[in-house]
Structures are given as C-alpha cells and as structure tokens.
C-alpha atoms as a PDB file:
ATOM      1  CA  MET A   1      15.064  29.074 -15.020  1.00  0.00           C
ATOM      2  CA  GLN A   2      14.334  25.363 -15.433  1.00  0.00           C
ATOM      3  CA  THR A   3      14.439  23.912 -18.922  1.00  0.00           C
ATOM      4  CA  VAL A   4      13.313  20.538 -20.224  1.00  0.00           C
ATOM      5  CA  PRO A   5      16.170  18.620 -21.892  1.00  0.00           C
ATOM      6  CA  LYS A   6      15.679  17.447 -25.432  1.00  0.00           C
ATOM      7  CA  LYS A   7      14.728  13.802 -25.668  1.00  0.00           C
ATOM      8  CA  SER A   8      18.114  12.949 -27.154  1.00  0.00           C
ATOM      9  CA  GLU A   9      19.997  14.201 -24.120  1.00  0.00           C
ATOM     10  CA  GLY A  10      21.310  11.641 -21.694  1.00  0.00           C
ATOM     11  CA  PHE A  11      21.731  11.667 -17.946  1.00  0.00           C
ATOM     12  CA  ASN A  12      25.142  11.727 -16.337  1.00  0.00           C
ATOM     13  CA  ARG A  13      24.783   9.570 -13.253  1.00  0.00           C
ATOM     14  CA  LYS A  14      27.245  11.117 -10.811  1.00  0.00           C
ATOM     15  CA  ARG A  15      28.679   8.999  -8.047  1.00  0.00           C
ATOM     16  CA  SER A  16      29.687   9.605  -4.458  1.00  0.00           C
ATOM     17  CA  VAL A  17      33.334  10.583  -4.042  1.00  0.00           C
ATOM     18  CA  ILE A  18      33.679   8.628  -0.789  1.00  0.00           C
ATOM     19  CA  PRO A  19      35.285   5.217  -1.523  1.00  0.00           C
ATOM     20  CA  GLY A  20      32.963   2.289  -0.941  1.00  0.00           C
ATOM     21  CA  TYR A  21      29.803   4.345  -1.003  1.00  0.00           C
ATOM     22  CA  SER A  22      28.747   4.500  -4.621  1.00  0.00           C
ATOM     23  CA  LEU A  23      25.336   6.057  -5.229  1.00  0.00           C
ATOM     24  CA  PRO A  24      23.016   5.671  -8.232  1.00  0.00           C
ATOM     25  CA  TYR A  25      21.916   9.308  -7.844  1.00  0.00           C
ATOM     26  CA  GLU A  26      23.425  12.755  -7.453  1.00  0.00           C
ATOM     27  CA  PRO A  27      23.196  13.702  -3.752  1.00  0.00           C
ATOM     28  CA  ILE A  28      22.833  17.396  -4.585  1.00  0.00           C
ATOM     29  CA  PRO A  29      21.007  17.561  -7.935  1.00  0.00           C
ATOM     30  CA  GLN A  30      21.184  20.905  -9.700  1.00  0.00           C
ATOM     31  CA  GLN A  31      17.817  20.536 -11.429  1.00  0.00           C
ATOM     32  CA  LEU A  32      14.617  18.551 -11.208  1.00  0.00           C
ATOM     33  CA  TYR A  33      14.273  15.201 -12.917  1.00  0.00           C
ATOM     34  CA  THR A  34      12.603  14.895 -16.309  1.00  0.00           C
ATOM     35  CA  PRO A  35      11.261  11.850 -18.172  1.00  0.00           C
ATOM     36  CA  VAL A  36      14.565  11.811 -20.073  1.00  0.00           C
ATOM     37  CA  THR A  37      16.751  11.664 -16.975  1.00  0.00           C
ATOM     38  CA  LEU A  38      14.558   9.529 -14.708  1.00  0.00           C
ATOM     39  CA  PHE A  39      13.631   6.880 -17.290  1.00  0.00           C
ATOM     40  CA  GLN A  40      16.954   6.676 -19.081  1.00  0.00           C
ATOM     41  CA  GLY A  41      17.505   3.041 -20.004  1.00  0.00           C
ATOM     42  CA  PHE A  42      13.868   2.320 -20.889  1.00  0.00           C
ATOM     43  CA  LYS A  43      13.357   0.830 -24.342  1.00  0.00           C
ATOM     44  CA  PRO A  44       9.796   0.315 -25.626  1.00  0.00           C
ATOM     45  CA  ASP A  45      10.788  -2.911 -27.407  1.00  0.00           C
ATOM     46  CA  GLU A  46      12.535  -4.525 -24.409  1.00  0.00           C
ATOM     47  CA  PRO A  47      10.344  -5.688 -21.480  1.00  0.00           C
ATOM     48  CA  ALA A  48      13.363  -6.126 -19.196  1.00  0.00           C
ATOM     49  CA  SER A  49      14.451  -2.517 -19.753  1.00  0.00           C
ATOM     50  CA  TRP A  50      12.191  -1.188 -16.978  1.00  0.00           C
ATOM     51  CA  GLY A  51      14.618  -2.822 -14.556  1.00  0.00           C
ATOM     52  CA  ARG A  52      17.521  -0.904 -16.115  1.00  0.00           C
ATOM     53  CA  THR A  53      16.132   2.618 -15.759  1.00  0.00           C
ATOM     54  CA  VAL A  54      17.753   5.242 -13.546  1.00  0.00           C
ATOM     55  CA  ASP A  55      14.533   5.392 -11.535  1.00  0.00           C
ATOM     56  CA  PHE A  56      14.539   1.656 -10.858  1.00  0.00           C
ATOM     57  CA  ALA A  57      18.237   1.652  -9.912  1.00  0.00           C
ATOM     58  CA  ILE A  58      17.619   4.379  -7.331  1.00  0.00           C
ATOM     59  CA  TYR A  59      14.585   2.541  -5.947  1.00  0.00           C
ATOM     60  CA  ARG A  60      16.538  -0.720  -5.625  1.00  0.00           C
ATOM     61  CA  HIS A  61      19.301   1.062  -3.708  1.00  0.00           C
ATOM     62  CA  PHE A  62      16.681   2.786  -1.534  1.00  0.00           C
ATOM     63  CA  VAL A  63      15.074  -0.569  -0.606  1.00  0.00           C
ATOM     64  CA  MET A  64      18.353  -2.363   0.037  1.00  0.00           C
ATOM     65  CA  GLU A  65      19.610   0.371   2.378  1.00  0.00           C
ATOM     66  CA  GLY A  66      16.528   0.384   4.607  1.00  0.00           C
ATOM     67  CA  ARG A  67      14.115   2.530   2.584  1.00  0.00           C
ATOM     68  CA  ASP A  68      13.394   5.938   4.225  1.00  0.00           C
ATOM     69  CA  ALA A  69      15.047   4.913   7.515  1.00  0.00           C
ATOM     70  CA  PRO A  70      18.489   3.720   6.393  1.00  0.00           C
ATOM     71  CA  THR A  71      20.642   2.097   9.050  1.00  0.00           C
ATOM     72  CA  ASN A  72      23.802   3.531   7.503  1.00  0.00           C
ATOM     73  CA  PRO A  73      23.989   7.208   8.527  1.00  0.00           C
ATOM     74  CA  TYR A  74      25.900   8.095   5.369  1.00  0.00           C
ATOM     75  CA  PHE A  75      22.972   7.080   3.166  1.00  0.00           C
ATOM     76  CA  GLY A  76      20.604   8.928   5.480  1.00  0.00           C
ATOM     77  CA  MET A  77      22.641  12.092   5.010  1.00  0.00           C
ATOM     78  CA  MET A  78      22.728  11.645   1.235  1.00  0.00           C
ATOM     79  CA  GLN A  79      18.957  11.229   1.092  1.00  0.00           C
ATOM     80  CA  ALA A  80      18.491  14.370   3.176  1.00  0.00           C
ATOM     81  CA  LEU A  81      20.858  16.366   0.949  1.00  0.00           C
ATOM     82  CA  HIS A  82      19.073  15.118  -2.142  1.00  0.00           C
ATOM     83  CA  ASP A  83      15.591  15.982  -0.884  1.00  0.00           C
ATOM     84  CA  ASN A  84      16.669  19.451   0.213  1.00  0.00           C
ATOM     85  CA  ALA A  85      18.205  20.103  -3.208  1.00  0.00           C
ATOM     86  CA  ILE A  86      15.018  18.935  -4.928  1.00  0.00           C
ATOM     87  CA  MET A  87      13.059  21.312  -2.707  1.00  0.00           C
ATOM     88  CA  GLN A  88      15.289  24.227  -3.706  1.00  0.00           C
ATOM     89  CA  CYS A  89      15.014  23.352  -7.406  1.00  0.00           C
ATOM     90  CA  THR A  90      11.237  23.251  -7.044  1.00  0.00           C
ATOM     91  CA  LYS A  91      11.174  26.722  -5.492  1.00  0.00           C
ATOM     92  CA  MET A  92      13.120  28.058  -8.470  1.00  0.00           C
ATOM     93  CA  LEU A  93      10.698  26.509 -10.948  1.00  0.00           C
ATOM     94  CA  ILE A  94       7.495  27.770  -9.349  1.00  0.00           C
ATOM     95  CA  ALA A  95       8.614  31.314  -8.519  1.00  0.00           C
ATOM     96  CA  GLY A  96       5.928  33.732  -9.678  1.00  0.00           C
ATOM     97  CA  ARG A  97       3.678  31.027 -11.102  1.00  0.00           C
ATOM     98  CA  ARG A  98       0.089  30.063 -10.327  1.00  0.00           C
ATOM     99  CA  ILE A  99       0.057  26.564  -8.875  1.00  0.00           C
ATOM    100  CA  ALA A 100      -2.951  24.242  -8.725  1.00  0.00           C
ATOM    101  CA  ALA A 101      -3.014  20.547  -7.840  1.00  0.00           C
ATOM    102  CA  ILE A 102      -5.171  17.490  -8.419  1.00  0.00           C
ATOM    103  CA  MET A 103      -5.473  14.647  -5.906  1.00  0.00           C
ATOM    104  CA  GLY A 104      -7.202  11.295  -6.281  1.00  0.00           C
ATOM    105  CA  ASP A 105      -7.022   7.501  -6.328  1.00  0.00           C
ATOM    106  CA  HIS A 106      -3.754   6.002  -7.582  1.00  0.00           C
ATOM    107  CA  THR A 107      -5.627   2.886  -8.781  1.00  0.00           C
ATOM    108  CA  MET A 108      -8.093   4.843 -10.938  1.00  0.00           C
ATOM    109  CA  ARG A 109      -8.610   3.050 -14.248  1.00  0.00           C
ATOM    110  CA  ARG A 110      -7.389   4.675 -17.421  1.00  0.00           C
ATOM    111  CA  ASP A 111     -10.659   3.778 -19.156  1.00  0.00           C
ATOM    112  CA  SER A 112     -12.900   5.396 -16.521  1.00  0.00           C
ATOM    113  CA  ASP A 113     -14.990   8.528 -17.042  1.00  0.00           C
ATOM    114  CA  VAL A 114     -13.396  10.243 -14.054  1.00  0.00           C
ATOM    115  CA  TYR A 115      -9.876   9.674 -15.467  1.00  0.00           C
ATOM    116  CA  ARG A 116     -11.015  11.454 -18.636  1.00  0.00           C
ATOM    117  CA  ASP A 117     -12.620  14.248 -16.581  1.00  0.00           C
ATOM    118  CA  ILE A 118      -9.338  14.860 -14.753  1.00  0.00           C
ATOM    119  CA  ALA A 119      -7.385  15.044 -17.997  1.00  0.00           C
ATOM    120  CA  ILE A 120      -9.874  17.528 -19.485  1.00  0.00           C
ATOM    121  CA  LEU A 121      -9.815  19.691 -16.354  1.00  0.00           C
ATOM    122  CA  SER A 122      -6.026  19.708 -16.157  1.00  0.00           C
ATOM    123  CA  ARG A 123      -5.776  20.568 -19.850  1.00  0.00           C
ATOM    124  CA  ARG A 124      -8.093  23.538 -19.400  1.00  0.00           C
ATOM    125  CA  LEU A 125      -6.311  24.867 -16.317  1.00  0.00           C
ATOM    126  CA  THR A 126      -2.932  24.521 -18.038  1.00  0.00           C
ATOM    127  CA  ARG A 127      -4.292  26.534 -20.949  1.00  0.00           C
ATOM    128  CA  SER A 128      -5.460  29.114 -18.405  1.00  0.00           C
ATOM    129  CA  GLY A 129      -1.897  29.588 -17.195  1.00  0.00           C
ATOM    130  CA  PHE A 130      -1.715  27.282 -14.167  1.00  0.00           C
ATOM    131  CA  LEU A 131       1.194  24.964 -13.482  1.00  0.00           C
ATOM    132  CA  MET A 132      -0.592  21.731 -12.644  1.00  0.00           C
ATOM    133  CA  CYS A 133       0.806  19.455  -9.938  1.00  0.00           C
ATOM    134  CA  SER A 134       0.069  16.012  -8.557  1.00  0.00           C
ATOM    135  CA  GLY A 135       1.725  13.249  -6.601  1.00  0.00           C
ATOM    136  CA  GLY A 136       3.225  12.058  -9.872  1.00  0.00           C
ATOM    137  CA  GLY A 137       2.092   8.433  -9.812  1.00  0.00           C
ATOM    138  CA  SER A 138      -0.621   6.436 -11.530  1.00  0.00           C
ATOM    139  CA  GLY A 139      -4.406   6.874 -11.701  1.00  0.00           C
ATOM    140  CA  ALA A 140      -5.702  10.373 -11.023  1.00  0.00           C
ATOM    141  CA  MET A 141      -2.140  11.670 -10.874  1.00  0.00           C
ATOM    142  CA  GLU A 142      -1.253  10.363 -14.319  1.00  0.00           C
ATOM    143  CA  ALA A 143      -4.464  11.808 -15.790  1.00  0.00           C
ATOM    144  CA  SER A 144      -3.508  15.239 -14.427  1.00  0.00           C
ATOM    145  CA  HIS A 145      -0.207  15.280 -16.284  1.00  0.00           C
ATOM    146  CA  LEU A 146      -1.661  13.722 -19.407  1.00  0.00           C
ATOM    147  CA  GLY A 147      -4.092  16.625 -19.741  1.00  0.00           C
ATOM    148  CA  ALA A 148      -1.417  19.215 -19.010  1.00  0.00           C
ATOM    149  CA  SER A 149       1.027  17.748 -21.522  1.00  0.00           C
ATOM    150  CA  LEU A 150      -1.589  17.896 -24.295  1.00  0.00           C
ATOM    151  CA  ALA A 151      -2.712  21.467 -23.531  1.00  0.00           C
ATOM    152  CA  PRO A 152      -0.800  23.041 -26.458  1.00  0.00           C
ATOM    153  CA  GLY A 153      -2.303  20.591 -28.960  1.00  0.00           C
ATOM    154  CA  ALA A 154      -5.737  20.042 -30.467  1.00  0.00           C
ATOM    155  CA  ASP A 155      -8.592  18.598 -28.430  1.00  0.00           C
ATOM    156  CA  PRO A 156      -8.767  15.311 -30.436  1.00  0.00           C
ATOM    157  CA  ASP A 157      -5.210  14.534 -29.301  1.00  0.00           C
ATOM    158  CA  LEU A 158      -6.549  13.659 -25.858  1.00  0.00           C
ATOM    159  CA  GLU A 159      -9.088  11.182 -27.214  1.00  0.00           C
ATOM    160  CA  GLU A 160      -6.355   9.475 -29.253  1.00  0.00           C
ATOM    161  CA  ALA A 161      -4.139   9.232 -26.196  1.00  0.00           C
ATOM    162  CA  LEU A 162      -6.948   7.821 -24.056  1.00  0.00           C
ATOM    163  CA  ALA A 163      -7.667   5.170 -26.690  1.00  0.00           C
ATOM    164  CA  LEU A 164      -4.058   3.973 -26.483  1.00  0.00           C
ATOM    165  CA  LEU A 165      -3.934   4.066 -22.696  1.00  0.00           C
ATOM    166  CA  LYS A 166      -7.129   2.004 -22.434  1.00  0.00           C
ATOM    167  CA  THR A 167      -5.244  -1.002 -23.769  1.00  0.00           C
ATOM    168  CA  LYS A 168      -3.567  -1.225 -20.345  1.00  0.00           C
ATOM    169  CA  PRO A 169      -6.255   0.214 -18.062  1.00  0.00           C
ATOM    170  CA  VAL A 170      -5.204  -1.012 -14.600  1.00  0.00           C
ATOM    171  CA  VAL A 171      -1.909  -0.389 -12.846  1.00  0.00           C
ATOM    172  CA  PRO A 172      -0.556  -3.778 -11.697  1.00  0.00           C
ATOM    173  CA  ALA A 173       0.224  -4.643  -8.080  1.00  0.00           C
ATOM    174  CA  LEU A 174       4.003  -4.181  -7.960  1.00  0.00           C
ATOM    175  CA  ARG A 175       4.757  -3.832  -4.257  1.00  0.00           C
ATOM    176  CA  ASN A 176       7.005  -6.924  -4.251  1.00  0.00           C
ATOM    177  CA  ILE A 177       8.974  -6.007  -7.372  1.00  0.00           C
ATOM    178  CA  ILE A 178      12.145  -5.812  -5.218  1.00  0.00           C
ATOM    179  CA  ASN A 179      12.761  -7.511  -1.878  1.00  0.00           C
ATOM    180  CA  SER A 180      14.850  -6.152   0.989  1.00  0.00           C
ATOM    181  CA  ARG A 181      17.988  -7.873  -0.312  1.00  0.00           C
ATOM    182  CA  GLY A 182      17.627  -6.176  -3.682  1.00  0.00           C
ATOM    183  CA  LEU A 183      16.453  -9.249  -5.591  1.00  0.00           C
ATOM    184  CA  VAL A 184      14.244  -8.238  -8.522  1.00  0.00           C
ATOM    185  CA  ASN A 185      11.076 -10.089  -9.571  1.00  0.00           C
ATOM    186  CA  PRO A 186      11.324 -10.330 -13.398  1.00  0.00           C
ATOM    187  CA  VAL A 187       7.609 -11.113 -13.764  1.00  0.00           C
ATOM    188  CA  LEU A 188       6.636  -7.877 -12.042  1.00  0.00           C
ATOM    189  CA  VAL A 189       9.265  -5.947 -14.010  1.00  0.00           C
ATOM    190  CA  ALA A 190       7.570  -7.168 -17.194  1.00  0.00           C
ATOM    191  CA  GLN A 191       4.169  -6.109 -15.841  1.00  0.00           C
ATOM    192  CA  ALA A 192       5.494  -2.651 -14.965  1.00  0.00           C
ATOM    193  CA  TYR A 193       6.935  -2.371 -18.471  1.00  0.00           C
ATOM    194  CA  GLU A 194       3.641  -3.325 -20.128  1.00  0.00           C
ATOM    195  CA  TRP A 195       1.692  -0.744 -18.141  1.00  0.00           C
ATOM    196  CA  PHE A 196       4.286   2.014 -18.529  1.00  0.00           C
ATOM    197  CA  LYS A 197       4.970   1.511 -22.245  1.00  0.00           C
ATOM    198  CA  PRO A 198       1.886   3.205 -23.810  1.00  0.00           C
ATOM    199  CA  ALA A 199       2.267   6.281 -21.596  1.00  0.00           C
ATOM    200  CA  TYR A 200       5.970   6.505 -22.408  1.00  0.00           C
ATOM    201  CA  GLU A 201       5.338   6.254 -26.158  1.00  0.00           C
ATOM    202  CA  ILE A 202       2.583   8.891 -26.064  1.00  0.00           C
ATOM    203  CA  SER A 203       4.795  11.209 -24.026  1.00  0.00           C
ATOM    204  CA  ALA A 204       7.767  10.745 -26.358  1.00  0.00           C
ATOM    205  CA  ALA A 205       5.596  11.665 -29.357  1.00  0.00           C
ATOM    206  CA  ILE A 206       4.561  15.063 -27.904  1.00  0.00           C
ATOM    207  CA  SER A 207       7.052  17.508 -29.363  1.00  0.00           C
ATOM    208  CA  SER A 208       6.144  20.518 -27.193  1.00  0.00           C
ATOM    209  CA  PRO A 209       4.293  19.342 -24.074  1.00  0.00           C
ATOM    210  CA  GLY A 210       2.530  21.661 -21.684  1.00  0.00           C
ATOM    211  CA  GLN A 211       4.486  21.978 -18.472  1.00  0.00           C
ATOM    212  CA  SER A 212       3.467  20.291 -15.240  1.00  0.00           C
ATOM    213  CA  LEU A 213       5.174  19.367 -11.985  1.00  0.00           C
ATOM    214  CA  ALA A 214       5.026  15.908 -10.417  1.00  0.00           C
ATOM    215  CA  PHE A 215       5.890  14.979  -6.830  1.00  0.00           C
ATOM    216  CA  PRO A 216       6.467  11.207  -6.739  1.00  0.00           C
ATOM    217  CA  THR A 217       8.505   9.434  -4.089  1.00  0.00           C
ATOM    218  CA  TRP A 218      10.681   6.354  -3.823  1.00  0.00           C
ATOM    219  CA  HIS A 219       8.640   5.484  -0.715  1.00  0.00           C
ATOM    220  CA  TYR A 220       6.108   4.295  -3.312  1.00  0.00           C
ATOM    221  CA  GLY A 221       8.801   3.519  -5.867  1.00  0.00           C
ATOM    222  CA  HIS A 222       7.246   0.200  -6.858  1.00  0.00           C
ATOM    223  CA  GLU A 223       4.687   2.169  -8.854  1.00  0.00           C
ATOM    224  CA  PRO A 224       6.055   3.882 -11.990  1.00  0.00           C
ATOM    225  CA  ALA A 225       6.103   7.665 -11.944  1.00  0.00           C
ATOM    226  CA  THR A 226       4.289   9.351 -14.802  1.00  0.00           C
ATOM    227  CA  PRO A 227       6.254  10.215 -17.956  1.00  0.00           C
ATOM    228  CA  PHE A 228       3.735  12.955 -18.830  1.00  0.00           C
ATOM    229  CA  ALA A 229       5.123  15.465 -16.307  1.00  0.00           C
ATOM    230  CA  THR A 230       7.795  17.764 -17.732  1.00  0.00           C
ATOM    231  CA  HIS A 231       9.329  18.382 -14.285  1.00  0.00           C
ATOM    232  CA  ILE A 232       9.625  15.656 -11.652  1.00  0.00           C
ATOM    233  CA  ALA A 233      10.454  16.499  -8.036  1.00  0.00           C
ATOM    234  CA  LYS A 234      11.072  12.994  -6.764  1.00  0.00           C
ATOM    235  CA  TYR A 235      11.839  12.592  -3.071  1.00  0.00           C
ATOM    236  CA  PHE A 236      13.014   9.856  -0.741  1.00  0.00           C
ATOM    237  CA  GLN A 237      10.956  11.070   2.236  1.00  0.00           C
ATOM    238  CA  ASP A 238       7.233  10.897   1.557  1.00  0.00           C
ATOM    239  CA  SER A 239       6.352  13.308   4.380  1.00  0.00           C
ATOM    240  CA  ILE A 240       8.481  16.098   2.868  1.00  0.00           C
ATOM    241  CA  ARG A 241       6.957  15.521  -0.545  1.00  0.00           C
ATOM    242  CA  GLU A 242       3.395  15.463   0.807  1.00  0.00           C
ATOM    243  CA  ASP A 243       3.741  18.656   2.827  1.00  0.00           C
ATOM    244  CA  GLY A 244       5.464  20.424  -0.035  1.00  0.00           C
ATOM    245  CA  LEU A 245       2.840  19.600  -2.618  1.00  0.00           C
ATOM    246  CA  LEU A 246      -0.064  20.763  -0.463  1.00  0.00           C
ATOM    247  CA  ALA A 247       1.765  23.904   0.579  1.00  0.00           C
ATOM    248  CA  LEU A 248       2.684  24.918  -2.975  1.00  0.00           C
ATOM    249  CA  ALA A 249      -0.798  24.612  -4.457  1.00  0.00           C
ATOM    250  CA  LYS A 250      -1.932  27.996  -3.162  1.00  0.00           C
ATOM    251  CA  HIS A 251      -4.259  28.625  -6.100  1.00  0.00           C
ATOM    252  CA  GLY A 252      -6.374  25.593  -5.407  1.00  0.00           C
ATOM    253  CA  ILE A 253      -6.601  21.821  -5.080  1.00  0.00           C
ATOM    254  CA  ILE A 254      -9.181  19.601  -6.772  1.00  0.00           C
ATOM    255  CA  PHE A 255      -9.886  16.368  -4.899  1.00  0.00           C
ATOM    256  CA  PHE A 256     -11.273  13.542  -7.019  1.00  0.00           C
ATOM    257  CA  GLU A 257     -12.452  10.223  -5.664  1.00  0.00           C
ATOM    258  CA  GLY A 258      -9.951   8.417  -3.487  1.00  0.00           C
ATOM    259  CA  LYS A 259      -9.699   6.703  -0.143  1.00  0.00           C
ATOM    260  CA  THR A 260      -7.342   7.013   2.804  1.00  0.00           C
ATOM    261  CA  GLY A 261      -4.541   8.858   1.015  1.00  0.00           C
ATOM    262  CA  THR A 262      -6.858  11.386  -0.611  1.00  0.00           C
ATOM    263  CA  ILE A 263      -8.905  11.850   2.559  1.00  0.00           C
ATOM    264  CA  GLN A 264      -5.703  12.477   4.505  1.00  0.00           C
ATOM    265  CA  GLU A 265      -4.757  15.122   1.928  1.00  0.00           C
ATOM    266  CA  ILE A 266      -8.175  16.781   2.220  1.00  0.00           C
ATOM    267  CA  PHE A 267      -7.818  17.207   5.961  1.00  0.00           C
ATOM    268  CA  GLN A 268      -4.155  18.170   5.742  1.00  0.00           C
ATOM    269  CA  ASP A 269      -5.128  20.897   3.275  1.00  0.00           C
ATOM    270  CA  GLY A 270      -8.064  21.764   5.522  1.00  0.00           C
ATOM    271  CA  ASN A 271      -5.668  22.128   8.447  1.00  0.00           C
ATOM    272  CA  GLN A 272      -3.477  24.526   6.473  1.00  0.00           C
ATOM    273  CA  ASN A 273      -6.521  26.561   5.516  1.00  0.00           C
ATOM    274  CA  TYR A 274      -8.018  26.530   9.010  1.00  0.00           C
ATOM    275  CA  TYR A 275      -4.855  28.003  10.533  1.00  0.00           C
ATOM    276  CA  LYS A 276      -4.036  30.184   7.480  1.00  0.00           C
ATOM    277  CA  MET A 277      -0.526  28.740   7.524  1.00  0.00           C
ATOM    278  CA  PHE A 278       0.413  30.397   4.260  1.00  0.00           C
ATOM    279  CA  ASP A 279      -1.461  33.665   4.776  1.00  0.00           C
ATOM    280  CA  ARG A 280      -4.306  32.653   2.505  1.00  0.00           C
ATOM    281  CA  PHE A 281      -7.115  30.139   2.099  1.00  0.00           C
ATOM    282  CA  SER A 282      -6.313  27.812  -0.789  1.00  0.00           C
ATOM    283  CA  PRO A 283      -9.554  27.040  -2.706  1.00  0.00           C
ATOM    284  CA  MET A 284     -10.789  23.459  -2.375  1.00  0.00           C
ATOM    285  CA  VAL A 285     -12.872  21.583  -4.952  1.00  0.00           C
ATOM    286  CA  LEU A 286     -14.383  18.248  -3.966  1.00  0.00           C
ATOM    287  CA  PHE A 287     -15.307  16.592  -7.246  1.00  0.00           C
ATOM    288  CA  GLY A 288     -18.116  14.043  -6.837  1.00  0.00           C
ATOM    289  CA  VAL A 289     -21.114  15.241  -4.853  1.00  0.00           C
ATOM    290  CA  GLU A 290     -22.396  11.822  -3.790  1.00  0.00           C
ATOM    291  CA  TYR A 291     -18.888  10.504  -3.190  1.00  0.00           C
ATOM    292  CA  TRP A 292     -17.824  13.285  -0.797  1.00  0.00           C
ATOM    293  CA  THR A 293     -21.177  13.900   0.903  1.00  0.00           C
ATOM    294  CA  THR A 294     -22.445  10.334   1.345  1.00  0.00           C
ATOM    295  CA  LYS A 295     -19.869   7.625   0.608  1.00  0.00           C
ATOM    296  CA  TYR A 296     -17.024   9.430   2.366  1.00  0.00           C
ATOM    297  CA  PRO A 297     -18.794  12.413   3.992  1.00  0.00           C
ATOM    298  CA  VAL A 298     -15.900  14.802   4.439  1.00  0.00           C
ATOM    299  CA  VAL A 299     -18.035  17.758   3.322  1.00  0.00           C
ATOM    300  CA  GLY A 300     -19.919  17.772   6.604  1.00  0.00           C
ATOM    301  CA  VAL A 301     -16.704  17.918   8.608  1.00  0.00           C
ATOM    302  CA  LEU A 302     -15.325  20.783   6.508  1.00  0.00           C
ATOM    303  CA  LYS A 303     -18.554  22.716   7.023  1.00  0.00           C
ATOM    304  CA  LYS A 304     -18.054  22.382  10.765  1.00  0.00           C
ATOM    305  CA  LEU A 305     -14.409  23.441  10.607  1.00  0.00           C
ATOM    306  CA  PHE A 306     -14.699  26.537   8.444  1.00  0.00           C
ATOM    307  CA  THR A 307     -16.921  29.537   8.952  1.00  0.00           C
ATOM    308  CA  ARG A 308     -19.990  29.711   6.739  1.00  0.00           C
ATOM    309  CA  PRO A 309     -18.575  32.585   4.634  1.00  0.00           C
ATOM    310  CA  GLU A 310     -15.262  30.725   4.206  1.00  0.00           C
ATOM    311  CA  PHE A 311     -16.953  27.524   3.097  1.00  0.00           C
ATOM    312  CA  LYS A 312     -19.214  29.347   0.666  1.00  0.00           C
ATOM    313  CA  LYS A 313     -16.368  31.336  -0.859  1.00  0.00           C
ATOM    314  CA  TYR A 314     -13.518  28.835  -0.917  1.00  0.00           C
ATOM    315  CA  VAL A 315     -15.050  25.345  -1.127  1.00  0.00           C
ATOM    316  CA  LEU A 316     -16.937  23.884  -4.082  1.00  0.00           C
ATOM    317  CA  VAL A 317     -18.608  20.479  -4.215  1.00  0.00           C
ATOM    318  CA  THR A 318     -19.503  19.599  -7.795  1.00  0.00           C
ATOM    319  CA  ASP A 319     -19.855  16.975 -10.528  1.00  0.00           C
ATOM    320  CA  ASP A 320     -19.173  19.466 -13.307  1.00  0.00           C
ATOM    321  CA  VAL A 321     -15.705  19.781 -14.889  1.00  0.00           C
ATOM    322  CA  ALA A 322     -16.395  23.252 -16.275  1.00  0.00           C
ATOM    323  CA  ALA A 323     -17.692  24.473 -12.915  1.00  0.00           C
ATOM    324  CA  ALA A 324     -14.570  23.158 -11.178  1.00  0.00           C
ATOM    325  CA  ALA A 325     -12.350  24.929 -13.701  1.00  0.00           C
ATOM    326  CA  ARG A 326     -14.204  28.242 -13.384  1.00  0.00           C
ATOM    327  CA  PHE A 327     -14.006  28.064  -9.595  1.00  0.00           C
ATOM    328  CA  ILE A 328     -10.212  27.696  -9.641  1.00  0.00           C
ATOM    329  CA  GLU A 329      -9.776  30.263 -12.407  1.00  0.00           C
ATOM    330  CA  LYS A 330     -11.664  32.993 -10.559  1.00  0.00           C
ATOM    331  CA  PHE A 331      -9.109  32.991  -7.725  1.00  0.00           C
ATOM    332  CA  ALA A 332      -6.285  33.684 -10.164  1.00  0.00           C
ATOM    333  CA  MET A 333      -7.622  37.095 -11.082  1.00  0.00           C
END
C-alpha cells in the first residue's frame, strides 16, 4: 500500500550503475513521487531554488538528451523502464478504489469562478470517497488537487487558500526555461518560483491532506507540477500518461472549459466509451452548457456517436457544481 512520506523525509536520488551514464532519477522507482520527493531542493525564500529541485534536474536531463525521442538508446531504455514502473506503482495505489478525473484548461486563472468551482467539486467528490485525478499541471488540474487536499478540513480553508493563490493568478509562459543544450534561463526560473511558491506553502501547511493522484509529464516539464497532489505519477512519454489517466477514471470524468487538449481528451474518452474498451461506459460530465454546446459544440457530436439511451444515462451537460457531483456519485453505488 502506498504511503505519503512525512515532509521531513528526503529523497535518495539513485544513479545508474553503468559508468558514464549518470541519471538524475531512479530508472525503476519503487513508489510514486510525492511533493516531498519531486520538489526536494525548493526553498520558499530562495527564488533560484526552483532550478535546484529534483523535478527540474530530471526535466533538464530530459531536454538535453532529446526529450521523449532520445538519440542515445540507453536513455530511451531508462525512460521506458521508468514509465513502466510508474504504471505498476499506479496500479497498486488505485486497486479497489473509485477513480474520477477532472480535465480542463492548463492556463485557467486561479482567481476565476470556474477554478473555484473545480476545487469545490473535487473537495466534495473526495469526501464522497473518490480518488480524484488530473493531468497534474496548472489551471484546472491544480484546482482539482487543491480541492482534494482540503477535503478533510473545514470549508473556510478553501477560501483562505484561494485568497493566497490569487496573488499569483496566471501561470507564466515558461516553455523556453531550458534550451536544447541544457542552458537555464534564470529569469524564467524566478517566474516559475514566484508562481509555484504560494501553492507550495499552502500544501506544506496541510498536515493531513486528502489523497489525490496527479499524472504530469516531463513532455510539458516547463510547467510546474502541482504540489497539492499526494501521489504523483510523472511520466516521460505523454501518450502513455494520457491513455492511462483516461483509462483509469472509470467512475467518471468531468470536462471543464479547455481547448485542443481538453477536446482531444473528450473524444479520446468518447472513443473508449463507444467501443466499451474497459467493459463499461465511464460517465461524462461536460461542465459549461454554452461553452460545450455553442463555443466548442462537442455535445452535438457525442449525441451522434452514442445511442439516445446511452447519452441520457451517461452524459450530463450542466453549469451546476452540485448537479455534476450528484451525477458522478450515483454511479458509485
């Protein structure tokens, strides 16, 4: 059974035993990452410390070696071993649990109403016994884990957390934080630190967080992963991570506003449901009636794909947080 290390515990960065091929990660990890292990090296009073975290060291190595298509076959093998081990650790964690996921825009502002709605919904579903999952990044993903982490506490705790997060509402553009030669942009490191800091401090202050599972990837490693998730299944290959997240959320996925990435996830989930790939239809909630029927009219396509009884039973289009929660909860009975 997976356990969350105490915040005082460190992370033993194991190295490759093959001379000349040192790695900043364990090729066959025995457990999922946590905020303690992934963000070791971060210090809230040192802006440059973001560039000294375990997470950043792995991302820098990933970029320098050719990202998710390394030219050196040894590093390709190590990435594959790592991702398979993370997959196996994930299976151990979720065994026998009810899994639901939230998808949405990674650039969603922390001070937006929809960010707050996601946190409230995730908090309720966590209290109802679901293990909440997301892609593990910023925006809608961060809000999902914020709500889950605060589920054991009092409701005002969320409002206090949101007030602190609003001081840094927009995730900065960090795509060029490292170039292909491994050179680090100190200005962008400082920006990443400033955005990450309030979330890290809130997370560190939660003594007994509600559990949640994040699926970030070093493919998008320029964006900080969320520190609110208690378990972090971070992958090198984005395709493995994407398929795994959608496949695991058998008790439902709530899709909040988002563009190409979220729309891709809607139709990927729709494909799994259409062909009953996992022997069941995973409930789908499209949150934002106008958004999903007019601005990006995916609802009409889903109505054409699924039978009328399937759509009526398994798909909900709503603007109501409580209605979305009840819809997911009823399938857990």
